[in-house]
PDB file of N, CA and C in Angstrom:
ATOM      1  N   MET A   1     -36.213  35.787  22.600  1.00  0.00           N
ATOM      2  CA  MET A   1     -35.231  34.831  22.793  1.00  0.00           C
ATOM      3  C   MET A   1     -34.317  34.961  21.808  1.00  0.00           C
ATOM      4  N   CYS A   2     -32.577  35.261  21.950  1.00  0.00           N
ATOM      5  CA  CYS A   2     -32.234  35.638  21.619  1.00  0.00           C
ATOM      6  C   CYS A   2     -30.507  34.653  21.591  1.00  0.00           C
ATOM      7  N   ILE A   3     -29.924  33.993  20.571  1.00  0.00           N
ATOM      8  CA  ILE A   3     -28.647  33.128  20.691  1.00  0.00           C
ATOM      9  C   ILE A   3     -27.212  33.745  20.701  1.00  0.00           C
ATOM     10  N   LEU A   4     -26.914  33.870  21.971  1.00  0.00           N
ATOM     11  CA  LEU A   4     -25.610  34.478  22.093  1.00  0.00           C
ATOM     12  C   LEU A   4     -24.344  34.113  21.442  1.00  0.00           C
ATOM     13  N   PHE A   5     -24.524  32.464  21.788  1.00  0.00           N
ATOM     14  CA  PHE A   5     -23.583  31.853  21.129  1.00  0.00           C
ATOM     15  C   PHE A   5     -23.326  29.861  21.270  1.00  0.00           C
ATOM     16  N   VAL A   6     -22.681  29.175  20.437  1.00  0.00           N
ATOM     17  CA  VAL A   6     -22.922  27.698  20.723  1.00  0.00           C
ATOM     18  C   VAL A   6     -21.394  27.800  20.584  1.00  0.00           C
ATOM     19  N   LEU A   7     -21.222  27.124  22.294  1.00  0.00           N
ATOM     20  CA  LEU A   7     -19.657  26.090  22.484  1.00  0.00           C
ATOM     21  C   LEU A   7     -19.898  24.540  23.022  1.00  0.00           C
ATOM     22  N   SER A   8     -19.570  24.043  21.899  1.00  0.00           N
ATOM     23  CA  SER A   8     -19.296  22.331  22.033  1.00  0.00           C
ATOM     24  C   SER A   8     -20.733  22.102  21.943  1.00  0.00           C
ATOM     25  N   SER A   9     -21.000  21.619  23.127  1.00  0.00           N
ATOM     26  CA  SER A   9     -22.493  20.875  23.622  1.00  0.00           C
ATOM     27  C   SER A   9     -23.331  21.939  24.023  1.00  0.00           C
ATOM     28  N   THR A  10     -23.335  23.011  24.292  1.00  0.00           N
ATOM     29  CA  THR A  10     -24.170  24.031  25.119  1.00  0.00           C
ATOM     30  C   THR A  10     -24.149  25.020  24.339  1.00  0.00           C
ATOM     31  N   ILE A  11     -25.467  25.711  24.649  1.00  0.00           N
ATOM     32  CA  ILE A  11     -25.964  26.562  23.451  1.00  0.00           C
ATOM     33  C   ILE A  11     -26.518  28.081  24.893  1.00  0.00           C
ATOM     34  N   TYR A  12     -25.923  29.000  24.399  1.00  0.00           N
ATOM     35  CA  TYR A  12     -26.066  30.162  25.516  1.00  0.00           C
ATOM     36  C   TYR A  12     -27.026  30.686  25.119  1.00  0.00           C
ATOM     37  N   THR A  13     -28.203  31.099  25.875  1.00  0.00           N
ATOM     38  CA  THR A  13     -29.653  31.467  25.107  1.00  0.00           C
ATOM     39  C   THR A  13     -29.532  32.965  25.666  1.00  0.00           C
ATOM     40  N   LYS A  14     -29.811  33.830  25.235  1.00  0.00           N
ATOM     41  CA  LYS A  14     -30.417  35.253  26.213  1.00  0.00           C
ATOM     42  C   LYS A  14     -31.866  35.415  26.443  1.00  0.00           C
ATOM     43  N   LEU A  15     -32.337  35.774  27.219  1.00  0.00           N
ATOM     44  CA  LEU A  15     -33.559  35.790  27.725  1.00  0.00           C
ATOM     45  C   LEU A  15     -34.166  36.726  28.639  1.00  0.00           C
ATOM     46  N   ASP A  16     -35.202  37.422  28.390  1.00  0.00           N
ATOM     47  CA  ASP A  16     -35.362  38.392  29.584  1.00  0.00           C
ATOM     48  C   ASP A  16     -36.227  38.204  30.401  1.00  0.00           C
ATOM     49  N   GLU A  17     -35.850  38.840  31.744  1.00  0.00           N
ATOM     50  CA  GLU A  17     -36.091  38.694  32.805  1.00  0.00           C
ATOM     51  C   GLU A  17     -37.488  37.945  33.380  1.00  0.00           C
ATOM     52  N   LEU A  18     -38.719  38.702  32.486  1.00  0.00           N
ATOM     53  CA  LEU A  18     -40.030  37.725  32.687  1.00  0.00           C
ATOM     54  C   LEU A  18     -39.973  36.196  32.627  1.00  0.00           C
ATOM     55  N   THR A  19     -39.253  36.118  31.328  1.00  0.00           N
ATOM     56  CA  THR A  19     -39.151  34.828  30.842  1.00  0.00           C
ATOM     57  C   THR A  19     -38.774  33.833  32.137  1.00  0.00           C
ATOM     58  N   LEU A  20     -38.056  34.190  32.432  1.00  0.00           N
ATOM     59  CA  LEU A  20     -37.359  32.956  33.734  1.00  0.00           C
ATOM     60  C   LEU A  20     -38.147  33.778  34.687  1.00  0.00           C
ATOM     61  N   VAL A  21     -38.996  34.658  35.216  1.00  0.00           N
ATOM     62  CA  VAL A  21     -39.932  34.636  36.718  1.00  0.00           C
ATOM     63  C   VAL A  21     -41.030  34.042  36.119  1.00  0.00           C
ATOM     64  N   LEU A  22     -41.466  34.119  35.236  1.00  0.00           N
ATOM     65  CA  LEU A  22     -42.580  33.225  34.620  1.00  0.00           C
ATOM     66  C   LEU A  22     -43.174  32.188  33.698  1.00  0.00           C
ATOM     67  N   GLY A  23     -42.142  31.993  33.205  1.00  0.00           N
ATOM     68  CA  GLY A  23     -41.640  30.871  32.346  1.00  0.00           C
ATOM     69  C   GLY A  23     -42.272  30.987  30.712  1.00  0.00           C
ATOM     70  N   ALA A  24     -42.015  30.211  30.251  1.00  0.00           N
ATOM     71  CA  ALA A  24     -42.396  30.306  28.833  1.00  0.00           C
ATOM     72  C   ALA A  24     -41.802  29.003  27.895  1.00  0.00           C
ATOM     73  N   GLU A  25     -42.618  28.851  26.968  1.00  0.00           N
ATOM     74  CA  GLU A  25     -42.127  28.105  25.943  1.00  0.00           C
ATOM     75  C   GLU A  25     -41.439  28.808  24.715  1.00  0.00           C
ATOM     76  N   ILE A  26     -39.791  28.072  24.175  1.00  0.00           N
ATOM     77  CA  ILE A  26     -39.186  29.363  23.759  1.00  0.00           C
ATOM     78  C   ILE A  26     -38.285  28.038  22.367  1.00  0.00           C
ATOM     79  N   SER A  27     -38.290  28.840  21.426  1.00  0.00           N
ATOM     80  CA  SER A  27     -37.590  28.063  20.179  1.00  0.00           C
ATOM     81  C   SER A  27     -36.400  28.169  20.792  1.00  0.00           C
ATOM     82  N   VAL A  28     -35.443  26.757  20.682  1.00  0.00           N
ATOM     83  CA  VAL A  28     -34.281  27.110  20.178  1.00  0.00           C
ATOM     84  C   VAL A  28     -33.903  25.833  18.927  1.00  0.00           C
ATOM     85  N   PRO A  29     -32.668  26.598  18.728  1.00  0.00           N
ATOM     86  CA  PRO A  29     -32.034  26.038  17.098  1.00  0.00           C
ATOM     87  C   PRO A  29     -31.388  24.584  17.611  1.00  0.00           C
ATOM     88  N   THR A  30     -31.092  23.315  17.369  1.00  0.00           N
ATOM     89  CA  THR A  30     -30.789  22.608  16.947  1.00  0.00           C
ATOM     90  C   THR A  30     -29.704  22.256  16.434  1.00  0.00           C
ATOM     91  N   PRO A  31     -29.009  20.780  15.468  1.00  0.00           N
ATOM     92  CA  PRO A  31     -28.352  20.633  14.488  1.00  0.00           C
ATOM     93  C   PRO A  31     -29.443  20.668  13.514  1.00  0.00           C
ATOM     94  N   ASP A  32     -30.830  19.356  14.161  1.00  0.00           N
ATOM     95  CA  ASP A  32     -31.707  19.168  13.359  1.00  0.00           C
ATOM     96  C   ASP A  32     -32.802  19.739  12.736  1.00  0.00           C
ATOM     97  N   GLY A  33     -32.556  21.658  13.425  1.00  0.00           N
ATOM     98  CA  GLY A  33     -33.618  22.353  13.339  1.00  0.00           C
ATOM     99  C   GLY A  33     -34.085  22.626  14.522  1.00  0.00           C
ATOM    100  N   SER A  34     -35.280  23.878  14.481  1.00  0.00           N
ATOM    101  CA  SER A  34     -35.586  23.893  16.071  1.00  0.00           C
ATOM    102  C   SER A  34     -35.994  22.981  16.711  1.00  0.00           C
ATOM    103  N   VAL A  35     -36.100  23.365  18.129  1.00  0.00           N
ATOM    104  CA  VAL A  35     -37.206  22.617  18.422  1.00  0.00           C
ATOM    105  C   VAL A  35     -37.911  23.921  20.023  1.00  0.00           C
ATOM    106  N   THR A  36     -39.235  23.026  20.240  1.00  0.00           N
ATOM    107  CA  THR A  36     -39.693  23.998  21.302  1.00  0.00           C
ATOM    108  C   THR A  36     -39.372  23.498  22.745  1.00  0.00           C
ATOM    109  N   MET A  37     -38.916  24.088  23.565  1.00  0.00           N
ATOM    110  CA  MET A  37     -37.985  24.172  24.950  1.00  0.00           C
ATOM    111  C   MET A  37     -38.937  24.732  26.102  1.00  0.00           C
ATOM    112  N   LYS A  38     -39.582  24.372  27.265  1.00  0.00           N
ATOM    113  CA  LYS A  38     -40.328  24.978  27.974  1.00  0.00           C
ATOM    114  C   LYS A  38     -39.081  25.280  29.286  1.00  0.00           C
ATOM    115  N   VAL A  39     -38.998  26.616  29.694  1.00  0.00           N
ATOM    116  CA  VAL A  39     -38.532  27.198  30.666  1.00  0.00           C
ATOM    117  C   VAL A  39     -39.471  27.516  31.719  1.00  0.00           C
ATOM    118  N   PRO A  40     -39.080  26.568  33.040  1.00  0.00           N
ATOM    119  CA  PRO A  40     -39.875  26.340  34.042  1.00  0.00           C
ATOM    120  C   PRO A  40     -39.839  27.830  34.627  1.00  0.00           C
ATOM    121  N   LYS A  41     -40.984  28.469  35.092  1.00  0.00           N
ATOM    122  CA  LYS A  41     -41.102  29.487  36.487  1.00  0.00           C
ATOM    123  C   LYS A  41     -40.034  29.399  37.685  1.00  0.00           C
ATOM    124  N   GLY A  42     -39.459  30.816  37.441  1.00  0.00           N
ATOM    125  CA  GLY A  42     -38.473  30.802  38.901  1.00  0.00           C
ATOM    126  C   GLY A  42     -37.142  30.220  38.157  1.00  0.00           C
ATOM    127  N   VAL A  43     -37.093  29.729  36.991  1.00  0.00           N
ATOM    128  CA  VAL A  43     -35.728  28.893  36.525  1.00  0.00           C
ATOM    129  C   VAL A  43     -34.707  30.645  37.181  1.00  0.00           C
ATOM    130  N   ARG A  44     -33.444  30.036  37.002  1.00  0.00           N
ATOM    131  CA  ARG A  44     -32.008  30.870  37.629  1.00  0.00           C
ATOM    132  C   ARG A  44     -31.259  31.226  36.104  1.00  0.00           C
ATOM    133  N   SER A  45     -30.440  33.008  36.048  1.00  0.00           N
ATOM    134  CA  SER A  45     -30.010  33.041  35.199  1.00  0.00           C
ATOM    135  C   SER A  45     -28.472  32.215  35.377  1.00  0.00           C
ATOM    136  N   GLY A  46     -28.253  31.711  34.181  1.00  0.00           N
ATOM    137  CA  GLY A  46     -26.812  30.717  33.987  1.00  0.00           C
ATOM    138  C   GLY A  46     -27.177  28.975  34.222  1.00  0.00           C
ATOM    139  N   GLN A  47     -28.471  28.974  34.773  1.00  0.00           N
ATOM    140  CA  GLN A  47     -28.681  27.402  35.180  1.00  0.00           C
ATOM    141  C   GLN A  47     -29.220  27.093  33.170  1.00  0.00           C
ATOM    142  N   SER A  48     -28.754  25.625  33.360  1.00  0.00           N
ATOM    143  CA  SER A  48     -28.944  24.914  31.486  1.00  0.00           C
ATOM    144  C   SER A  48     -29.731  23.713  31.995  1.00  0.00           C
ATOM    145  N   LEU A  49     -30.817  23.837  30.930  1.00  0.00           N
ATOM    146  CA  LEU A  49     -31.804  22.894  30.786  1.00  0.00           C
ATOM    147  C   LEU A  49     -30.975  21.910  29.771  1.00  0.00           C
ATOM    148  N   ARG A  50     -31.550  20.587  29.422  1.00  0.00           N
ATOM    149  CA  ARG A  50     -30.730  19.461  28.688  1.00  0.00           C
ATOM    150  C   ARG A  50     -32.058  19.195  27.955  1.00  0.00           C
ATOM    151  N   LEU A  51     -31.387  19.355  27.049  1.00  0.00           N
ATOM    152  CA  LEU A  51     -32.164  18.878  25.554  1.00  0.00           C
ATOM    153  C   LEU A  51     -31.644  17.623  25.128  1.00  0.00           C
ATOM    154  N   ARG A  52     -32.420  16.348  25.558  1.00  0.00           N
ATOM    155  CA  ARG A  52     -31.700  15.038  25.374  1.00  0.00           C
ATOM    156  C   ARG A  52     -31.786  14.540  24.185  1.00  0.00           C
ATOM    157  N   GLY A  53     -30.687  14.291  23.692  1.00  0.00           N
ATOM    158  CA  GLY A  53     -30.496  13.605  22.338  1.00  0.00           C
ATOM    159  C   GLY A  53     -30.772  14.599  21.350  1.00  0.00           C
ATOM    160  N   LYS A  54     -30.530  15.679  21.508  1.00  0.00           N
ATOM    161  CA  LYS A  54     -30.884  16.904  20.414  1.00  0.00           C
ATOM    162  C   LYS A  54     -29.621  17.658  20.197  1.00  0.00           C
ATOM    163  N   GLY A  55     -28.372  17.059  20.467  1.00  0.00           N
ATOM    164  CA  GLY A  55     -26.855  17.496  20.402  1.00  0.00           C
ATOM    165  C   GLY A  55     -26.374  16.961  18.740  1.00  0.00           C
ATOM    166  N   TRP A  56     -25.010  17.292  19.028  1.00  0.00           N
ATOM    167  CA  TRP A  56     -24.004  16.912  17.449  1.00  0.00           C
ATOM    168  C   TRP A  56     -24.578  15.137  18.037  1.00  0.00           C
ATOM    169  N   THR A  57     -24.029  14.564  16.288  1.00  0.00           N
ATOM    170  CA  THR A  57     -23.849  13.138  15.983  1.00  0.00           C
ATOM    171  C   THR A  57     -22.164  12.331  17.177  1.00  0.00           C
ATOM    172  N   LEU A  58     -22.418  11.591  17.751  1.00  0.00           N
ATOM    173  CA  LEU A  58     -21.514  11.509  17.940  1.00  0.00           C
ATOM    174  C   LEU A  58     -20.729   9.795  17.718  1.00  0.00           C
ATOM    175  N   GLN A  59     -19.458  10.163  17.906  1.00  0.00           N
ATOM    176  CA  GLN A  59     -18.455   8.908  16.872  1.00  0.00           C
ATOM    177  C   GLN A  59     -19.148   7.380  17.061  1.00  0.00           C
ATOM    178  N   LYS A  60     -19.789   7.220  18.179  1.00  0.00           N
ATOM    179  CA  LYS A  60     -20.399   5.984  18.641  1.00  0.00           C
ATOM    180  C   LYS A  60     -21.924   5.936  18.074  1.00  0.00           C
ATOM    181  N   GLY A  61     -22.060   6.946  17.393  1.00  0.00           N
ATOM    182  CA  GLY A  61     -23.522   6.352  17.006  1.00  0.00           C
ATOM    183  C   GLY A  61     -24.098   7.599  17.963  1.00  0.00           C
ATOM    184  N   GLY A  62     -25.791   7.367  17.246  1.00  0.00           N
ATOM    185  CA  GLY A  62     -26.736   8.479  18.139  1.00  0.00           C
ATOM    186  C   GLY A  62     -25.909  10.139  18.366  1.00  0.00           C
ATOM    187  N   ARG A  63     -26.881  10.555  18.950  1.00  0.00           N
ATOM    188  CA  ARG A  63     -27.509  11.880  19.414  1.00  0.00           C
ATOM    189  C   ARG A  63     -26.503  12.121  20.847  1.00  0.00           C
ATOM    190  N   GLY A  64     -25.690  13.298  21.390  1.00  0.00           N
ATOM    191  CA  GLY A  64     -25.500  13.739  22.256  1.00  0.00           C
ATOM    192  C   GLY A  64     -27.245  14.849  22.825  1.00  0.00           C
ATOM    193  N   ASP A  65     -26.621  15.169  23.631  1.00  0.00           N
ATOM    194  CA  ASP A  65     -27.730  15.916  24.797  1.00  0.00           C
ATOM    195  C   ASP A  65     -27.233  17.603  24.490  1.00  0.00           C
ATOM    196  N   LEU A  66     -28.005  18.439  24.431  1.00  0.00           N
ATOM    197  CA  LEU A  66     -27.963  19.719  23.924  1.00  0.00           C
ATOM    198  C   LEU A  66     -28.211  20.180  25.422  1.00  0.00           C
ATOM    199  N   LEU A  67     -27.372  21.218  25.914  1.00  0.00           N
ATOM    200  CA  LEU A  67     -27.404  21.832  27.355  1.00  0.00           C
ATOM    201  C   LEU A  67     -27.828  23.599  26.482  1.00  0.00           C
ATOM    202  N   ALA A  68     -28.626  23.994  26.888  1.00  0.00           N
ATOM    203  CA  ALA A  68     -29.642  25.505  27.119  1.00  0.00           C
ATOM    204  C   ALA A  68     -29.372  26.234  28.203  1.00  0.00           C
ATOM    205  N   LYS A  69     -28.343  26.802  28.116  1.00  0.00           N
ATOM    206  CA  LYS A  69     -27.318  27.772  28.865  1.00  0.00           C
ATOM    207  C   LYS A  69     -28.524  29.256  29.090  1.00  0.00           C
ATOM    208  N   LEU A  70     -29.017  29.620  30.221  1.00  0.00           N
ATOM    209  CA  LEU A  70     -30.007  30.747  30.088  1.00  0.00           C
ATOM    210  C   LEU A  70     -29.426  31.600  31.162  1.00  0.00           C
ATOM    211  N   LEU A  71     -29.357  32.827  29.727  1.00  0.00           N
ATOM    212  CA  LEU A  71     -28.456  34.518  30.453  1.00  0.00           C
ATOM    213  C   LEU A  71     -29.132  35.367  30.517  1.00  0.00           C
ATOM    214  N   ILE A  72     -29.721  35.968  31.683  1.00  0.00           N
ATOM    215  CA  ILE A  72     -30.746  36.800  31.242  1.00  0.00           C
ATOM    216  C   ILE A  72     -30.270  38.406  31.382  1.00  0.00           C
ATOM    217  N   VAL A  73     -30.546  38.933  29.979  1.00  0.00           N
ATOM    218  CA  VAL A  73     -31.172  40.678  29.690  1.00  0.00           C
ATOM    219  C   VAL A  73     -31.541  40.860  29.751  1.00  0.00           C
ATOM    220  N   THR A  74     -31.461  42.458  30.474  1.00  0.00           N
ATOM    221  CA  THR A  74     -32.505  43.138  30.785  1.00  0.00           C
ATOM    222  C   THR A  74     -32.470  44.657  29.982  1.00  0.00           C
ATOM    223  N   PRO A  75     -33.542  45.025  29.308  1.00  0.00           N
ATOM    224  CA  PRO A  75     -33.307  45.972  28.725  1.00  0.00           C
ATOM    225  C   PRO A  75     -32.745  47.296  29.253  1.00  0.00           C
ATOM    226  N   LYS A  76     -32.414  48.174  28.006  1.00  0.00           N
ATOM    227  CA  LYS A  76     -31.510  48.814  28.626  1.00  0.00           C
ATOM    228  C   LYS A  76     -32.415  50.298  28.485  1.00  0.00           C
ATOM    229  N   ASP A  77     -33.283  50.692  27.127  1.00  0.00           N
ATOM    230  CA  ASP A  77     -34.228  51.777  27.549  1.00  0.00           C
ATOM    231  C   ASP A  77     -35.476  51.268  27.807  1.00  0.00           C
ATOM    232  N   LEU A  78     -36.818  51.450  28.783  1.00  0.00           N
ATOM    233  CA  LEU A  78     -37.876  51.478  28.962  1.00  0.00           C
ATOM    234  C   LEU A  78     -38.325  52.696  28.382  1.00  0.00           C
ATOM    235  N   SER A  79     -39.734  52.008  28.312  1.00  0.00           N
ATOM    236  CA  SER A  79     -40.698  52.905  27.713  1.00  0.00           C
ATOM    237  C   SER A  79     -41.392  53.119  29.132  1.00  0.00           C
ATOM    238  N   ALA A  80     -42.211  54.233  28.941  1.00  0.00           N
ATOM    239  CA  ALA A  80     -42.772  55.214  30.318  1.00  0.00           C
ATOM    240  C   ALA A  80     -43.493  53.780  31.408  1.00  0.00           C
ATOM    241  N   ILE A  81     -44.295  53.234  30.047  1.00  0.00           N
ATOM    242  CA  ILE A  81     -45.568  52.097  31.121  1.00  0.00           C
ATOM    243  C   ILE A  81     -44.250  51.136  31.588  1.00  0.00           C
ATOM    244  N   GLU A  82     -43.210  50.560  30.713  1.00  0.00           N
ATOM    245  CA  GLU A  82     -42.707  49.716  31.604  1.00  0.00           C
ATOM    246  C   GLU A  82     -42.211  49.951  32.532  1.00  0.00           C
ATOM    247  N   GLN A  83     -41.007  51.294  32.833  1.00  0.00           N
ATOM    248  CA  GLN A  83     -40.982  52.152  33.982  1.00  0.00           C
ATOM    249  C   GLN A  83     -41.879  51.991  35.106  1.00  0.00           C
ATOM    250  N   GLU A  84     -42.982  52.493  34.582  1.00  0.00           N
ATOM    251  CA  GLU A  84     -44.069  52.421  35.888  1.00  0.00           C
ATOM    252  C   GLU A  84     -44.005  50.828  36.312  1.00  0.00           C
ATOM    253  N   CYS A  85     -44.289  49.786  35.617  1.00  0.00           N
ATOM    254  CA  CYS A  85     -44.920  48.571  36.130  1.00  0.00           C
ATOM    255  C   CYS A  85     -43.484  47.865  37.079  1.00  0.00           C
ATOM    256  N   TYR A  86     -42.377  48.258  36.243  1.00  0.00           N
ATOM    257  CA  TYR A  86     -41.214  48.004  37.129  1.00  0.00           C
ATOM    258  C   TYR A  86     -40.998  48.457  38.317  1.00  0.00           C
ATOM    259  N   GLU A  87     -41.583  49.748  38.399  1.00  0.00           N
ATOM    260  CA  GLU A  87     -41.461  50.429  39.491  1.00  0.00           C
ATOM    261  C   GLU A  87     -42.357  50.022  40.981  1.00  0.00           C
ATOM    262  N   LYS A  88     -43.474  49.542  40.326  1.00  0.00           N
ATOM    263  CA  LYS A  88     -44.817  48.666  40.730  1.00  0.00           C
ATOM    264  C   LYS A  88     -44.381  47.706  41.121  1.00  0.00           C
ATOM    265  N   ILE A  89     -43.595  46.686  40.528  1.00  0.00           N
ATOM    266  CA  ILE A  89     -43.035  45.216  40.708  1.00  0.00           C
ATOM    267  C   ILE A  89     -42.148  45.324  41.959  1.00  0.00           C
ATOM    268  N   GLN A  90     -41.241  46.322  42.250  1.00  0.00           N
ATOM    269  CA  GLN A  90     -40.223  46.712  43.217  1.00  0.00           C
ATOM    270  C   GLN A  90     -40.474  47.023  44.228  1.00  0.00           C
ATOM    271  N   ALA A  91     -41.763  48.443  44.535  1.00  0.00           N
ATOM    272  CA  ALA A  91     -42.658  48.656  45.642  1.00  0.00           C
ATOM    273  C   ALA A  91     -42.852  47.776  46.295  1.00  0.00           C
ATOM    274  N   ASN A  92     -43.699  46.545  45.468  1.00  0.00           N
ATOM    275  CA  ASN A  92     -44.467  45.596  46.397  1.00  0.00           C
ATOM    276  C   ASN A  92     -43.594  44.103  46.281  1.00  0.00           C
ATOM    277  N   THR A  93     -42.313  43.664  46.068  1.00  0.00           N
ATOM    278  CA  THR A  93     -42.007  42.499  45.976  1.00  0.00           C
ATOM    279  C   THR A  93     -41.608  41.925  47.279  1.00  0.00           C
ATOM    280  N   SER A  94     -41.204  40.982  47.936  1.00  0.00           N
ATOM    281  CA  SER A  94     -40.641  40.663  49.116  1.00  0.00           C
ATOM    282  C   SER A  94     -39.323  39.709  48.625  1.00  0.00           C
ATOM    283  N   PHE A  95     -39.631  39.779  47.504  1.00  0.00           N
ATOM    284  CA  PHE A  95     -37.864  39.133  47.338  1.00  0.00           C
ATOM    285  C   PHE A  95     -36.775  39.868  47.037  1.00  0.00           C
ATOM    286  N   ASN A  96     -35.688  39.698  47.618  1.00  0.00           N
ATOM    287  CA  ASN A  96     -34.631  40.060  47.936  1.00  0.00           C
ATOM    288  C   ASN A  96     -33.694  39.666  48.001  1.00  0.00           C
ATOM    289  N   PRO A  97     -32.504  39.071  47.011  1.00  0.00           N
ATOM    290  CA  PRO A  97     -31.327  38.379  46.435  1.00  0.00           C
ATOM    291  C   PRO A  97     -30.374  38.652  47.518  1.00  0.00           C
ATOM    292  N   ARG A  98     -30.523  40.305  48.123  1.00  0.00           N
ATOM    293  CA  ARG A  98     -29.062  40.357  48.503  1.00  0.00           C
ATOM    294  C   ARG A  98     -29.085  40.264  50.316  1.00  0.00           C
ATOM    295  N   THR A  99     -30.202  39.637  50.708  1.00  0.00           N
ATOM    296  CA  THR A  99     -30.263  39.677  51.808  1.00  0.00           C
ATOM    297  C   THR A  99     -28.824  38.944  52.741  1.00  0.00           C
ATOM    298  N   GLN A 100     -28.293  38.106  52.314  1.00  0.00           N
ATOM    299  CA  GLN A 100     -27.225  37.591  52.520  1.00  0.00           C
ATOM    300  C   GLN A 100     -25.879  38.478  52.986  1.00  0.00           C
ATOM    301  N   LEU A 101     -25.789  39.347  51.605  1.00  0.00           N
ATOM    302  CA  LEU A 101     -24.891  40.149  51.506  1.00  0.00           C
ATOM    303  C   LEU A 101     -25.074  40.927  52.577  1.00  0.00           C
ATOM    304  N   GLU A 102     -26.081  41.887  52.990  1.00  0.00           N
ATOM    305  CA  GLU A 102     -26.261  42.345  54.101  1.00  0.00           C
ATOM    306  C   GLU A 102     -25.823  42.004  55.631  1.00  0.00           C
ATOM    307  N   GLU A 103     -25.537  40.823  55.544  1.00  0.00           N
ATOM    308  CA  GLU A 103     -25.309  40.251  57.363  1.00  0.00           C
ATOM    309  C   GLU A 103     -24.221  39.957  57.015  1.00  0.00           C
ATOM    310  N   ILE A 104     -23.154  40.120  55.735  1.00  0.00           N
ATOM    311  CA  ILE A 104     -21.526  39.707  55.926  1.00  0.00           C
ATOM    312  C   ILE A 104     -20.899  41.055  56.343  1.00  0.00           C
ATOM    313  N   LYS A 105     -19.903  40.817  57.136  1.00  0.00           N
ATOM    314  CA  LYS A 105     -19.146  42.056  57.824  1.00  0.00           C
ATOM    315  C   LYS A 105     -17.756  41.846  57.184  1.00  0.00           C
ATOM    316  N   LEU A 106     -17.372  43.060  56.507  1.00  0.00           N
ATOM    317  CA  LEU A 106     -15.520  43.062  55.905  1.00  0.00           C
ATOM    318  C   LEU A 106     -14.526  43.871  56.534  1.00  0.00           C
TER     319      LEU A 106
END
């Protein structure tokens, strides 16, 4: 996991596709230090997960929430074994996110 940048109360986190598909526990920095956040399996890129009370101090007292926005990052270079594994997954998957696009007539 890599932090891309922080904007207001949202922290943009880079994750690999396997973490989004399988789920994981990741470390996320907060104003008070790192906390562990559970990423549920099947979460989508661009989705935000809320860390209640882990954001910045509010003027009225207390803490705001911190949003962790998940961004998928794919590997640029693959080892031979990684290439083989991805090709096996691609050949055996029933998931097609482009199904709706095939029905569109322009």
